[in-house]
Amino acid sequence: MADDPCRRFFLDPAQTLQRRYEVLRAFFVEGRPQADIAAQFGLATATVQSLVRDFRASLRDGSPPPFFSSPNSAGRPGAG
């Protein structure tokens, strides 16, 4: 099977949380300029700046966004 659909899943995310994750990853992990990231994802540079600012604030407050949360992780029957 060709990996093109799998590659597109990461390079052109359709889901909002995944898209946000990829934008932040490109900035913090890859060290890419915000303008380049904005162009890749079809966003305004100001939007990327806001995502970066908000992510930093959420980490500072101890509440990072739930990029990878299990739908069953909270409130499971029998948990606790």
N, C-alpha and C. Protein backbone atom coordinates (compact mmCIF):
# COMPACT_ATOMS: atom_id res chain seq x y z
N MET A 1 0.84 -1.19 0.00
CA MET A 1 0.00 0.00 0.00
C MET A 1 0.88 1.25 0.00
N ALA A 2 0.53 2.20 -0.81
CA ALA A 2 1.28 3.45 -0.87
C ALA A 2 1.04 4.23 0.42
N ASP A 3 2.07 4.92 0.87
CA ASP A 3 1.97 5.67 2.12
C ASP A 3 1.52 7.12 1.93
N ASP A 4 1.13 7.50 0.72
CA ASP A 4 0.71 8.89 0.49
C ASP A 4 -0.43 9.33 1.40
N PRO A 5 -1.49 8.55 1.59
CA PRO A 5 -2.55 8.99 2.50
C PRO A 5 -2.04 9.14 3.94
N CYS A 6 -1.14 8.25 4.34
CA CYS A 6 -0.59 8.34 5.70
C CYS A 6 0.27 9.59 5.84
N ARG A 7 1.04 9.88 4.84
CA ARG A 7 1.89 11.07 4.84
C ARG A 7 1.03 12.33 4.91
N ARG A 8 -0.03 12.36 4.10
CA ARG A 8 -0.95 13.52 4.10
C ARG A 8 -1.61 13.72 5.46
N PHE A 9 -1.89 12.62 6.15
CA PHE A 9 -2.49 12.71 7.48
C PHE A 9 -1.66 13.61 8.39
N PHE A 10 -0.34 13.51 8.31
CA PHE A 10 0.55 14.30 9.16
C PHE A 10 0.85 15.67 8.57
N LEU A 11 0.97 15.76 7.25
CA LEU A 11 1.35 17.02 6.63
C LEU A 11 0.19 17.98 6.40
N ASP A 12 -1.01 17.44 6.32
CA ASP A 12 -2.18 18.28 6.08
C ASP A 12 -3.33 17.85 7.00
N PRO A 13 -3.16 18.05 8.31
CA PRO A 13 -4.16 17.55 9.26
C PRO A 13 -5.51 18.25 9.09
N ALA A 14 -6.56 17.45 9.18
CA ALA A 14 -7.91 17.98 9.02
C ALA A 14 -8.56 18.30 10.37
N GLN A 15 -8.17 17.57 11.41
CA GLN A 15 -8.76 17.77 12.73
C GLN A 15 -8.12 18.96 13.43
N THR A 16 -8.92 19.75 14.12
CA THR A 16 -8.45 20.97 14.76
C THR A 16 -7.34 20.73 15.77
N LEU A 17 -7.50 19.76 16.67
CA LEU A 17 -6.47 19.52 17.68
C LEU A 17 -5.17 19.02 17.07
N GLN A 18 -5.28 18.16 16.07
CA GLN A 18 -4.07 17.67 15.41
C GLN A 18 -3.36 18.81 14.69
N ARG A 19 -4.13 19.65 14.04
CA ARG A 19 -3.57 20.80 13.32
C ARG A 19 -2.81 21.71 14.29
N ARG A 20 -3.44 21.98 15.43
CA ARG A 20 -2.82 22.82 16.46
C ARG A 20 -1.53 22.17 16.96
N TYR A 21 -1.59 20.87 17.19
CA TYR A 21 -0.41 20.13 17.64
C TYR A 21 0.73 20.26 16.62
N GLU A 22 0.42 20.05 15.35
CA GLU A 22 1.46 20.11 14.32
C GLU A 22 2.06 21.51 14.19
N VAL A 23 1.23 22.54 14.34
CA VAL A 23 1.73 23.92 14.31
C VAL A 23 2.71 24.15 15.46
N LEU A 24 2.31 23.76 16.66
CA LEU A 24 3.17 23.95 17.83
C LEU A 24 4.43 23.10 17.75
N ARG A 25 4.29 21.91 17.24
CA ARG A 25 5.46 21.03 17.09
C ARG A 25 6.47 21.64 16.11
N ALA A 26 5.95 22.17 15.01
CA ALA A 26 6.83 22.79 14.02
C ALA A 26 7.61 23.96 14.64
N PHE A 27 6.96 24.69 15.52
CA PHE A 27 7.62 25.84 16.15
C PHE A 27 8.60 25.40 17.24
N PHE A 28 8.13 24.62 18.20
CA PHE A 28 8.96 24.29 19.36
C PHE A 28 9.98 23.19 19.10
N VAL A 29 9.66 22.20 18.30
CA VAL A 29 10.57 21.08 18.09
C VAL A 29 11.47 21.32 16.89
N GLU A 30 10.86 21.76 15.79
CA GLU A 30 11.64 21.96 14.57
C GLU A 30 12.29 23.33 14.50
N GLY A 31 11.82 24.27 15.32
CA GLY A 31 12.40 25.61 15.34
C GLY A 31 12.12 26.42 14.10
N ARG A 32 11.02 26.13 13.43
CA ARG A 32 10.69 26.83 12.19
C ARG A 32 10.12 28.22 12.47
N PRO A 33 10.33 29.15 11.55
CA PRO A 33 9.76 30.49 11.70
C PRO A 33 8.24 30.46 11.65
N GLN A 34 7.62 31.31 12.44
CA GLN A 34 6.17 31.35 12.50
C GLN A 34 5.53 31.65 11.14
N ALA A 35 6.14 32.51 10.35
CA ALA A 35 5.58 32.84 9.04
C ALA A 35 5.56 31.61 8.12
N ASP A 36 6.60 30.79 8.18
CA ASP A 36 6.65 29.57 7.36
C ASP A 36 5.58 28.57 7.79
N ILE A 37 5.41 28.44 9.10
CA ILE A 37 4.40 27.53 9.63
C ILE A 37 3.01 28.00 9.20
N ALA A 38 2.78 29.30 9.34
CA ALA A 38 1.49 29.86 8.94
C ALA A 38 1.20 29.57 7.47
N ALA A 39 2.19 29.75 6.62
CA ALA A 39 2.00 29.51 5.19
C ALA A 39 1.68 28.03 4.92
N GLN A 40 2.38 27.14 5.60
CA GLN A 40 2.15 25.70 5.39
C GLN A 40 0.73 25.30 5.76
N PHE A 41 0.22 25.85 6.85
CA PHE A 41 -1.09 25.43 7.34
C PHE A 41 -2.22 26.37 6.95
N GLY A 42 -1.92 27.36 6.12
CA GLY A 42 -2.96 28.28 5.65
C GLY A 42 -3.51 29.18 6.74
N LEU A 43 -2.64 29.59 7.64
CA LEU A 43 -3.04 30.45 8.75
C LEU A 43 -2.38 31.81 8.65
N ALA A 44 -2.92 32.76 9.36
CA ALA A 44 -2.26 34.05 9.50
C ALA A 44 -1.11 33.88 10.49
N THR A 45 -0.03 34.61 10.30
CA THR A 45 1.09 34.55 11.23
C THR A 45 0.63 34.90 12.64
N ALA A 46 -0.30 35.84 12.75
CA ALA A 46 -0.83 36.22 14.07
C ALA A 46 -1.53 35.05 14.75
N THR A 47 -2.13 34.16 13.98
CA THR A 47 -2.78 32.98 14.55
C THR A 47 -1.74 32.04 15.15
N VAL A 48 -0.64 31.84 14.44
CA VAL A 48 0.44 31.00 14.96
C VAL A 48 1.00 31.64 16.24
N GLN A 49 1.19 32.94 16.22
CA GLN A 49 1.69 33.64 17.41
C GLN A 49 0.75 33.43 18.60
N SER A 50 -0.55 33.49 18.35
CA SER A 50 -1.54 33.29 19.41
C SER A 50 -1.50 31.86 19.94
N LEU A 51 -1.37 30.89 19.04
CA LEU A 51 -1.29 29.50 19.47
C LEU A 51 -0.06 29.26 20.36
N VAL A 52 1.06 29.84 19.97
CA VAL A 52 2.30 29.72 20.74
C VAL A 52 2.12 30.38 22.11
N ARG A 53 1.59 31.59 22.12
CA ARG A 53 1.37 32.32 23.38
C ARG A 53 0.45 31.54 24.31
N ASP A 54 -0.66 31.06 23.77
CA ASP A 54 -1.65 30.34 24.58
C ASP A 54 -1.09 29.02 25.11
N PHE A 55 -0.29 28.34 24.28
CA PHE A 55 0.31 27.07 24.71
C PHE A 55 1.28 27.31 25.86
N ARG A 56 2.11 28.33 25.72
CA ARG A 56 3.04 28.66 26.81
C ARG A 56 2.29 28.97 28.10
N ALA A 57 1.22 29.74 27.99
CA ALA A 57 0.43 30.10 29.17
C ALA A 57 -0.22 28.86 29.79
N SER A 58 -0.73 27.95 28.97
CA SER A 58 -1.38 26.76 29.52
C SER A 58 -0.37 25.87 30.24
N LEU A 59 0.85 25.76 29.71
CA LEU A 59 1.88 24.97 30.39
C LEU A 59 2.28 25.64 31.70
N ARG A 60 2.40 26.95 31.66
CA ARG A 60 2.76 27.70 32.86
C ARG A 60 1.71 27.50 33.96
N ASP A 61 0.44 27.41 33.55
CA ASP A 61 -0.66 27.21 34.50
C ASP A 61 -0.84 25.75 34.88
N GLY A 62 -0.06 24.87 34.29
CA GLY A 62 -0.15 23.45 34.61
C GLY A 62 -1.30 22.72 33.94
N SER A 63 -1.81 23.29 32.85
CA SER A 63 -2.94 22.65 32.17
C SER A 63 -2.72 22.62 30.66
N PRO A 64 -1.78 21.78 30.19
CA PRO A 64 -1.54 21.71 28.74
C PRO A 64 -2.78 21.21 28.01
N PRO A 65 -2.94 21.60 26.76
CA PRO A 65 -4.11 21.17 25.99
C PRO A 65 -4.15 19.66 25.82
N PRO A 66 -5.34 19.10 25.72
CA PRO A 66 -5.49 17.63 25.64
C PRO A 66 -5.32 17.10 24.22
N PHE A 67 -4.10 17.17 23.70
CA PHE A 67 -3.88 16.69 22.35
C PHE A 67 -4.12 15.19 22.24
N PHE A 68 -3.71 14.46 23.26
CA PHE A 68 -3.77 13.00 23.21
C PHE A 68 -4.45 12.46 24.46
N SER A 69 -5.72 12.72 24.58
CA SER A 69 -6.43 12.20 25.74
C SER A 69 -7.32 11.05 25.31
N SER A 70 -7.41 10.07 26.16
CA SER A 70 -8.27 8.94 25.89
C SER A 70 -9.70 9.30 26.27
N PRO A 71 -10.68 9.00 25.43
CA PRO A 71 -12.05 9.33 25.78
C PRO A 71 -12.53 8.57 27.01
N ASN A 72 -11.85 7.47 27.36
CA ASN A 72 -12.24 6.67 28.51
C ASN A 72 -11.38 6.95 29.74
N SER A 73 -10.46 7.92 29.66
CA SER A 73 -9.52 8.12 30.75
C SER A 73 -10.16 8.79 31.96
N ALA A 74 -11.18 9.58 31.76
CA ALA A 74 -11.82 10.26 32.88
C ALA A 74 -13.23 9.73 33.05
N GLY A 75 -13.61 9.50 34.29
CA GLY A 75 -14.97 9.09 34.56
C GLY A 75 -15.30 7.66 34.18
N ARG A 76 -14.30 6.80 34.10
CA ARG A 76 -14.56 5.40 33.78
C ARG A 76 -15.30 4.74 34.94
N PRO A 77 -16.24 3.89 34.63
CA PRO A 77 -16.87 3.12 35.71
C PRO A 77 -15.83 2.28 36.43
N GLY A 78 -15.88 2.30 37.74
CA GLY A 78 -14.95 1.50 38.53
C GLY A 78 -13.61 2.16 38.74
N ALA A 79 -13.37 3.33 38.15
CA ALA A 79 -12.09 4.02 38.35
C ALA A 79 -12.12 4.76 39.67
N GLY A 80 -11.00 4.75 40.38
CA GLY A 80 -10.87 5.55 41.59
C GLY A 80 -11.25 4.83 42.75
